[in-house]
Each structure stands twice: as C-alpha cells, then as structure tokens.
C-alpha cells in the first residue's frame, strides 16, 4: 500500500468523524446528487420553454414562425 493512499484514507476518516474541517463523504454524495437533479430540472425547463413557444406560435397565426 502506498503511504499517500493511507494518508488520504486517514484524512477522509477524520473529516467524516468531524475531527478535521472539510466536506464529509455523505455531504459530498448528497451535493453531487442534488447537482444532478438541478441539471435534469434545468434541461426539462428548457424543453418545456421550447414547447410552449412552439405551441404559442401554432395557436396564434399573427406570430412569426
């Protein structure tokens, strides 16, 4: 085992135990999950915006196509 790997594991364990400042493993996983959800919601909103523009133009003949 490389000593740098061991040092990182000890550091991660201390952060998770609250003995050292930093973002815990569970918090980092939660943040990553929330960032994925935000990205998915932003993509969905963009699709819905494009669809609403499309249907508004279909329903109102005065709007340019």
PDB file of N, CA and C in Angstrom:
ATOM      1  N   UNK A   1       0.850  -1.164   0.000  1.00  0.00           N
ATOM      2  CA  UNK A   1       0.000   0.000   0.000  1.00  0.00           C
ATOM      3  C   UNK A   1       0.904   1.237   0.000  1.00  0.00           C
ATOM      4  N   UNK A   2       0.537   2.188  -0.795  1.00  0.00           N
ATOM      5  CA  UNK A   2       1.308   3.429  -0.879  1.00  0.00           C
ATOM      6  C   UNK A   2       0.955   4.314   0.308  1.00  0.00           C
ATOM      7  N   UNK A   3       1.950   4.967   0.867  1.00  0.00           N
ATOM      8  CA  UNK A   3       1.685   5.778   2.061  1.00  0.00           C
ATOM      9  C   UNK A   3       0.779   6.972   1.771  1.00  0.00           C
ATOM     10  N   UNK A   4       0.791   7.485   0.540  1.00  0.00           N
ATOM     11  CA  UNK A   4      -0.095   8.609   0.189  1.00  0.00           C
ATOM     12  C   UNK A   4      -1.556   8.169   0.203  1.00  0.00           C
ATOM     13  N   UNK A   5      -1.823   6.952  -0.256  1.00  0.00           N
ATOM     14  CA  UNK A   5      -3.190   6.411  -0.214  1.00  0.00           C
ATOM     15  C   UNK A   5      -3.655   6.297   1.234  1.00  0.00           C
ATOM     16  N   UNK A   6      -2.804   5.785   2.087  1.00  0.00           N
ATOM     17  CA  UNK A   6      -3.149   5.657   3.502  1.00  0.00           C
ATOM     18  C   UNK A   6      -3.397   7.033   4.120  1.00  0.00           C
ATOM     19  N   UNK A   7      -2.547   7.996   3.782  1.00  0.00           N
ATOM     20  CA  UNK A   7      -2.725   9.351   4.310  1.00  0.00           C
ATOM     21  C   UNK A   7      -4.078   9.926   3.897  1.00  0.00           C
ATOM     22  N   UNK A   8      -4.482   9.722   2.652  1.00  0.00           N
ATOM     23  CA  UNK A   8      -5.773  10.215   2.170  1.00  0.00           C
ATOM     24  C   UNK A   8      -6.934   9.522   2.881  1.00  0.00           C
ATOM     25  N   UNK A   9      -6.807   8.218   3.127  1.00  0.00           N
ATOM     26  CA  UNK A   9      -7.859   7.490   3.835  1.00  0.00           C
ATOM     27  C   UNK A   9      -8.012   7.998   5.264  1.00  0.00           C
ATOM     28  N   UNK A  10      -6.894   8.239   5.924  1.00  0.00           N
ATOM     29  CA  UNK A  10      -6.941   8.757   7.294  1.00  0.00           C
ATOM     30  C   UNK A  10      -7.558  10.152   7.297  1.00  0.00           C
ATOM     31  N   UNK A  11      -7.146  10.978   6.349  1.00  0.00           N
ATOM     32  CA  UNK A  11      -7.701  12.329   6.248  1.00  0.00           C
ATOM     33  C   UNK A  11      -9.217  12.269   6.032  1.00  0.00           C
ATOM     34  N   UNK A  12      -9.688  11.398   5.125  1.00  0.00           N
ATOM     35  CA  UNK A  12     -11.122  11.255   4.843  1.00  0.00           C
ATOM     36  C   UNK A  12     -11.858  10.769   6.082  1.00  0.00           C
ATOM     37  N   UNK A  13     -11.264   9.825   6.823  1.00  0.00           N
ATOM     38  CA  UNK A  13     -11.883   9.311   8.047  1.00  0.00           C
ATOM     39  C   UNK A  13     -11.996  10.409   9.106  1.00  0.00           C
ATOM     40  N   UNK A  14     -10.974  11.239   9.226  1.00  0.00           N
ATOM     41  CA  UNK A  14     -11.017  12.338  10.195  1.00  0.00           C
ATOM     42  C   UNK A  14     -12.072  13.370   9.812  1.00  0.00           C
ATOM     43  N   UNK A  15     -12.197  13.660   8.530  1.00  0.00           N
ATOM     44  CA  UNK A  15     -13.222  14.612   8.081  1.00  0.00           C
ATOM     45  C   UNK A  15     -14.600  14.048   8.361  1.00  0.00           C
ATOM     46  N   UNK A  16     -14.813  12.756   8.023  1.00  0.00           N
ATOM     47  CA  UNK A  16     -16.114  12.126   8.253  1.00  0.00           C
ATOM     48  C   UNK A  16     -16.459  12.061   9.735  1.00  0.00           C
ATOM     49  N   UNK A  17     -15.444  11.935  10.593  1.00  0.00           N
ATOM     50  CA  UNK A  17     -15.671  11.869  12.039  1.00  0.00           C
ATOM     51  C   UNK A  17     -15.845  13.253  12.660  1.00  0.00           C
ATOM     52  N   UNK A  18     -15.607  14.303  11.886  1.00  0.00           N
ATOM     53  CA  UNK A  18     -15.764  15.651  12.402  1.00  0.00           C
ATOM     54  C   UNK A  18     -14.546  16.172  13.131  1.00  0.00           C
ATOM     55  N   UNK A  19     -13.449  15.471  13.049  1.00  0.00           N
ATOM     56  CA  UNK A  19     -12.232  15.883  13.738  1.00  0.00           C
ATOM     57  C   UNK A  19     -11.406  16.856  12.911  1.00  0.00           C
ATOM     58  N   UNK A  20     -11.756  17.008  11.647  1.00  0.00           N
ATOM     59  CA  UNK A  20     -10.997  17.858  10.728  1.00  0.00           C
ATOM     60  C   UNK A  20     -11.998  18.605   9.848  1.00  0.00           C
ATOM     61  N   UNK A  21     -11.745  19.871   9.534  1.00  0.00           N
ATOM     62  CA  UNK A  21     -12.696  20.601   8.682  1.00  0.00           C
ATOM     63  C   UNK A  21     -12.697  20.069   7.256  1.00  0.00           C
ATOM     64  N   UNK A  22     -13.856  20.126   6.647  1.00  0.00           N
ATOM     65  CA  UNK A  22     -13.984  19.678   5.263  1.00  0.00           C
ATOM     66  C   UNK A  22     -15.376  19.126   5.011  1.00  0.00           C
ATOM     67  N   UNK A  23     -15.625  18.754   3.778  1.00  0.00           N
ATOM     68  CA  UNK A  23     -16.917  18.197   3.388  1.00  0.00           C
ATOM     69  C   UNK A  23     -16.876  16.685   3.577  1.00  0.00           C
ATOM     70  N   UNK A  24     -17.814  16.175   4.381  1.00  0.00           N
ATOM     71  CA  UNK A  24     -17.836  14.739   4.645  1.00  0.00           C
ATOM     72  C   UNK A  24     -18.252  13.970   3.398  1.00  0.00           C
ATOM     73  N   UNK A  25     -17.989  12.682   3.410  1.00  0.00           N
ATOM     74  CA  UNK A  25     -18.322  11.830   2.266  1.00  0.00           C
ATOM     75  C   UNK A  25     -19.821  11.832   1.992  1.00  0.00           C
ATOM     76  N   UNK A  26     -20.622  11.768   3.049  1.00  0.00           N
ATOM     77  CA  UNK A  26     -22.079  11.746   2.858  1.00  0.00           C
ATOM     78  C   UNK A  26     -22.570  13.087   2.310  1.00  0.00           C
ATOM     79  N   UNK A  27     -21.983  14.185   2.795  1.00  0.00           N
ATOM     80  CA  UNK A  27     -22.368  15.504   2.268  1.00  0.00           C
ATOM     81  C   UNK A  27     -21.956  15.650   0.803  1.00  0.00           C
ATOM     82  N   UNK A  28     -20.776  15.164   0.467  1.00  0.00           N
ATOM     83  CA  UNK A  28     -20.304  15.247  -0.918  1.00  0.00           C
ATOM     84  C   UNK A  28     -21.200  14.436  -1.843  1.00  0.00           C
ATOM     85  N   UNK A  29     -21.632  13.269  -1.395  1.00  0.00           N
ATOM     86  CA  UNK A  29     -22.533  12.444  -2.201  1.00  0.00           C
ATOM     87  C   UNK A  29     -23.883  13.135  -2.369  1.00  0.00           C
ATOM     88  N   UNK A  30     -24.384  13.731  -1.307  1.00  0.00           N
ATOM     89  CA  UNK A  30     -25.671  14.446  -1.360  1.00  0.00           C
ATOM     90  C   UNK A  30     -25.579  15.651  -2.304  1.00  0.00           C
ATOM     91  N   UNK A  31     -24.482  16.388  -2.231  1.00  0.00           N
ATOM     92  CA  UNK A  31     -24.279  17.543  -3.108  1.00  0.00           C
ATOM     93  C   UNK A  31     -24.248  17.101  -4.567  1.00  0.00           C
ATOM     94  N   UNK A  32     -23.536  16.018  -4.847  1.00  0.00           N
ATOM     95  CA  UNK A  32     -23.458  15.510  -6.217  1.00  0.00           C
ATOM     96  C   UNK A  32     -24.835  15.095  -6.722  1.00  0.00           C
ATOM     97  N   UNK A  33     -25.618  14.446  -5.859  1.00  0.00           N
ATOM     98  CA  UNK A  33     -26.975  14.034  -6.238  1.00  0.00           C
ATOM     99  C   UNK A  33     -27.855  15.249  -6.531  1.00  0.00           C
ATOM    100  N   UNK A  34     -27.768  16.262  -5.699  1.00  0.00           N
ATOM    101  CA  UNK A  34     -28.564  17.470  -5.904  1.00  0.00           C
ATOM    102  C   UNK A  34     -28.140  18.206  -7.169  1.00  0.00           C
ATOM    103  N   UNK A  35     -26.854  18.225  -7.458  1.00  0.00           N
ATOM    104  CA  UNK A  35     -26.376  18.866  -8.690  1.00  0.00           C
ATOM    105  C   UNK A  35     -26.900  18.137  -9.924  1.00  0.00           C
ATOM    106  N   UNK A  36     -26.972  16.802  -9.874  1.00  0.00           N
ATOM    107  CA  UNK A  36     -27.543  16.032 -10.986  1.00  0.00           C
ATOM    108  C   UNK A  36     -29.022  16.368 -11.166  1.00  0.00           C
ATOM    109  N   UNK A  37     -29.744  16.476 -10.054  1.00  0.00           N
ATOM    110  CA  UNK A  37     -31.174  16.797 -10.129  1.00  0.00           C
ATOM    111  C   UNK A  37     -31.393  18.196 -10.701  1.00  0.00           C
ATOM    112  N   UNK A  38     -30.577  19.150 -10.286  1.00  0.00           N
ATOM    113  CA  UNK A  38     -30.691  20.517 -10.801  1.00  0.00           C
ATOM    114  C   UNK A  38     -30.449  20.534 -12.299  1.00  0.00           C
ATOM    115  N   UNK A  39     -29.429  19.806 -12.748  1.00  0.00           N
ATOM    116  CA  UNK A  39     -29.120  19.748 -14.170  1.00  0.00           C
ATOM    117  C   UNK A  39     -30.297  19.148 -14.950  1.00  0.00           C
ATOM    118  N   UNK A  40     -30.877  18.089 -14.418  1.00  0.00           N
ATOM    119  CA  UNK A  40     -32.027  17.449 -15.072  1.00  0.00           C
ATOM    120  C   UNK A  40     -33.228  18.395 -15.117  1.00  0.00           C
ATOM    121  N   UNK A  41     -33.480  19.105 -14.032  1.00  0.00           N
ATOM    122  CA  UNK A  41     -34.599  20.050 -13.993  1.00  0.00           C
ATOM    123  C   UNK A  41     -34.385  21.220 -14.941  1.00  0.00           C
ATOM    124  N   UNK A  42     -33.153  21.713 -15.041  1.00  0.00           N
ATOM    125  CA  UNK A  42     -32.865  22.796 -15.985  1.00  0.00           C
ATOM    126  C   UNK A  42     -33.088  22.333 -17.416  1.00  0.00           C
ATOM    127  N   UNK A  43     -32.701  21.099 -17.716  1.00  0.00           N
ATOM    128  CA  UNK A  43     -32.925  20.542 -19.054  1.00  0.00           C
ATOM    129  C   UNK A  43     -34.425  20.416 -19.329  1.00  0.00           C
ATOM    130  N   UNK A  44     -35.179  19.937 -18.347  1.00  0.00           N
ATOM    131  CA  UNK A  44     -36.627  19.807 -18.507  1.00  0.00           C
ATOM    132  C   UNK A  44     -37.273  21.169 -18.722  1.00  0.00           C
ATOM    133  N   UNK A  45     -36.840  22.164 -17.984  1.00  0.00           N
ATOM    134  CA  UNK A  45     -37.398  23.516 -18.140  1.00  0.00           C
ATOM    135  C   UNK A  45     -37.113  24.073 -19.527  1.00  0.00           C
ATOM    136  N   UNK A  46     -35.921  23.822 -20.051  1.00  0.00           N
ATOM    137  CA  UNK A  46     -35.589  24.296 -21.394  1.00  0.00           C
ATOM    138  C   UNK A  46     -36.487  23.635 -22.440  1.00  0.00           C
ATOM    139  N   UNK A  47     -36.737  22.347 -22.269  1.00  0.00           N
ATOM    140  CA  UNK A  47     -37.626  21.634 -23.190  1.00  0.00           C
ATOM    141  C   UNK A  47     -39.041  22.193 -23.108  1.00  0.00           C
ATOM    142  N   UNK A  48     -39.517  22.424 -21.896  1.00  0.00           N
ATOM    143  CA  UNK A  48     -40.871  22.963 -21.722  1.00  0.00           C
ATOM    144  C   UNK A  48     -40.993  24.379 -22.280  1.00  0.00           C
ATOM    145  N   UNK A  49     -39.956  25.198 -22.111  1.00  0.00           N
ATOM    146  CA  UNK A  49     -39.975  26.549 -22.681  1.00  0.00           C
ATOM    147  C   UNK A  49     -40.066  26.486 -24.205  1.00  0.00           C
ATOM    148  N   UNK A  50     -39.263  25.624 -24.808  1.00  0.00           N
ATOM    149  CA  UNK A  50     -39.271  25.487 -26.265  1.00  0.00           C
ATOM    150  C   UNK A  50     -40.630  24.979 -26.747  1.00  0.00           C
ATOM    151  N   UNK A  51     -41.211  24.057 -26.029  1.00  0.00           N
ATOM    152  CA  UNK A  51     -42.517  23.525 -26.414  1.00  0.00           C
ATOM    153  C   UNK A  51     -43.599  24.588 -26.290  1.00  0.00           C
ATOM    154  N   UNK A  52     -43.541  25.404 -25.244  1.00  0.00           N
ATOM    155  CA  UNK A  52     -44.565  26.443 -25.076  1.00  0.00           C
ATOM    156  C   UNK A  52     -44.458  27.490 -26.188  1.00  0.00           C
ATOM    157  N   UNK A  53     -43.241  27.827 -26.590  1.00  0.00           N
ATOM    158  CA  UNK A  53     -43.058  28.767 -27.699  1.00  0.00           C
ATOM    159  C   UNK A  53     -43.611  28.160 -28.984  1.00  0.00           C
ATOM    160  N   UNK A  54     -43.328  26.900 -29.224  1.00  0.00           N
ATOM    161  CA  UNK A  54     -43.806  26.224 -30.422  1.00  0.00           C
ATOM    162  C   UNK A  54     -45.336  26.232 -30.475  1.00  0.00           C
ATOM    163  N   UNK A  55     -45.975  25.841 -29.369  1.00  0.00           N
ATOM    164  CA  UNK A  55     -47.438  25.767 -29.366  1.00  0.00           C
ATOM    165  C   UNK A  55     -48.083  27.142 -29.388  1.00  0.00           C
ATOM    166  N   UNK A  56     -47.429  28.135 -28.799  1.00  0.00           N
ATOM    167  CA  UNK A  56     -47.975  29.501 -28.857  1.00  0.00           C
ATOM    168  C   UNK A  56     -47.978  29.992 -30.301  1.00  0.00           C
ATOM    169  N   UNK A  57     -46.929  29.681 -31.035  1.00  0.00           N
ATOM    170  CA  UNK A  57     -46.873  30.086 -32.446  1.00  0.00           C
ATOM    171  C   UNK A  57     -47.897  29.322 -33.284  1.00  0.00           C
ATOM    172  N   UNK A  58     -48.144  28.089 -32.957  1.00  0.00           N
ATOM    173  CA  UNK A  58     -49.135  27.292 -33.680  1.00  0.00           C
ATOM    174  C   UNK A  58     -50.546  27.830 -33.448  1.00  0.00           C
ATOM    175  N   UNK A  59     -50.800  28.303 -32.248  1.00  0.00           N
ATOM    176  CA  UNK A  59     -52.160  28.761 -31.908  1.00  0.00           C
ATOM    177  C   UNK A  59     -52.430  30.203 -32.333  1.00  0.00           C
ATOM    178  N   UNK A  60     -51.388  31.030 -32.447  1.00  0.00           N
ATOM    179  CA  UNK A  60     -51.574  32.423 -32.817  1.00  0.00           C
ATOM    180  C   UNK A  60     -50.962  32.661 -34.206  1.00  0.00           C
ATOM    181  N   UNK A  61     -51.784  32.780 -35.220  1.00  0.00           N
ATOM    182  CA  UNK A  61     -51.270  32.913 -36.585  1.00  0.00           C
ATOM    183  C   UNK A  61     -50.527  34.246 -36.832  1.00  0.00           C
ATOM    184  N   UNK A  62     -50.700  35.232 -35.948  1.00  0.00           N
ATOM    185  CA  UNK A  62     -50.018  36.514 -36.116  1.00  0.00           C
ATOM    186  C   UNK A  62     -48.539  36.462 -35.742  1.00  0.00           C
ATOM    187  N   UNK A  63     -48.152  35.500 -34.945  1.00  0.00           N
ATOM    188  CA  UNK A  63     -46.756  35.383 -34.522  1.00  0.00           C
ATOM    189  C   UNK A  63     -45.917  34.784 -35.673  1.00  0.00           C
ATOM    190  N   UNK A  64     -44.669  35.256 -35.823  1.00  0.00           N
ATOM    191  CA  UNK A  64     -43.814  34.692 -36.881  1.00  0.00           C
ATOM    192  C   UNK A  64     -43.442  33.244 -36.562  1.00  0.00           C
ATOM    193  N   UNK A  65     -43.251  32.478 -37.595  1.00  0.00           N
ATOM    194  CA  UNK A  65     -42.903  31.060 -37.397  1.00  0.00           C
ATOM    195  C   UNK A  65     -41.433  30.846 -37.513  1.00  0.00           C
TER     196      UNK A  65
END
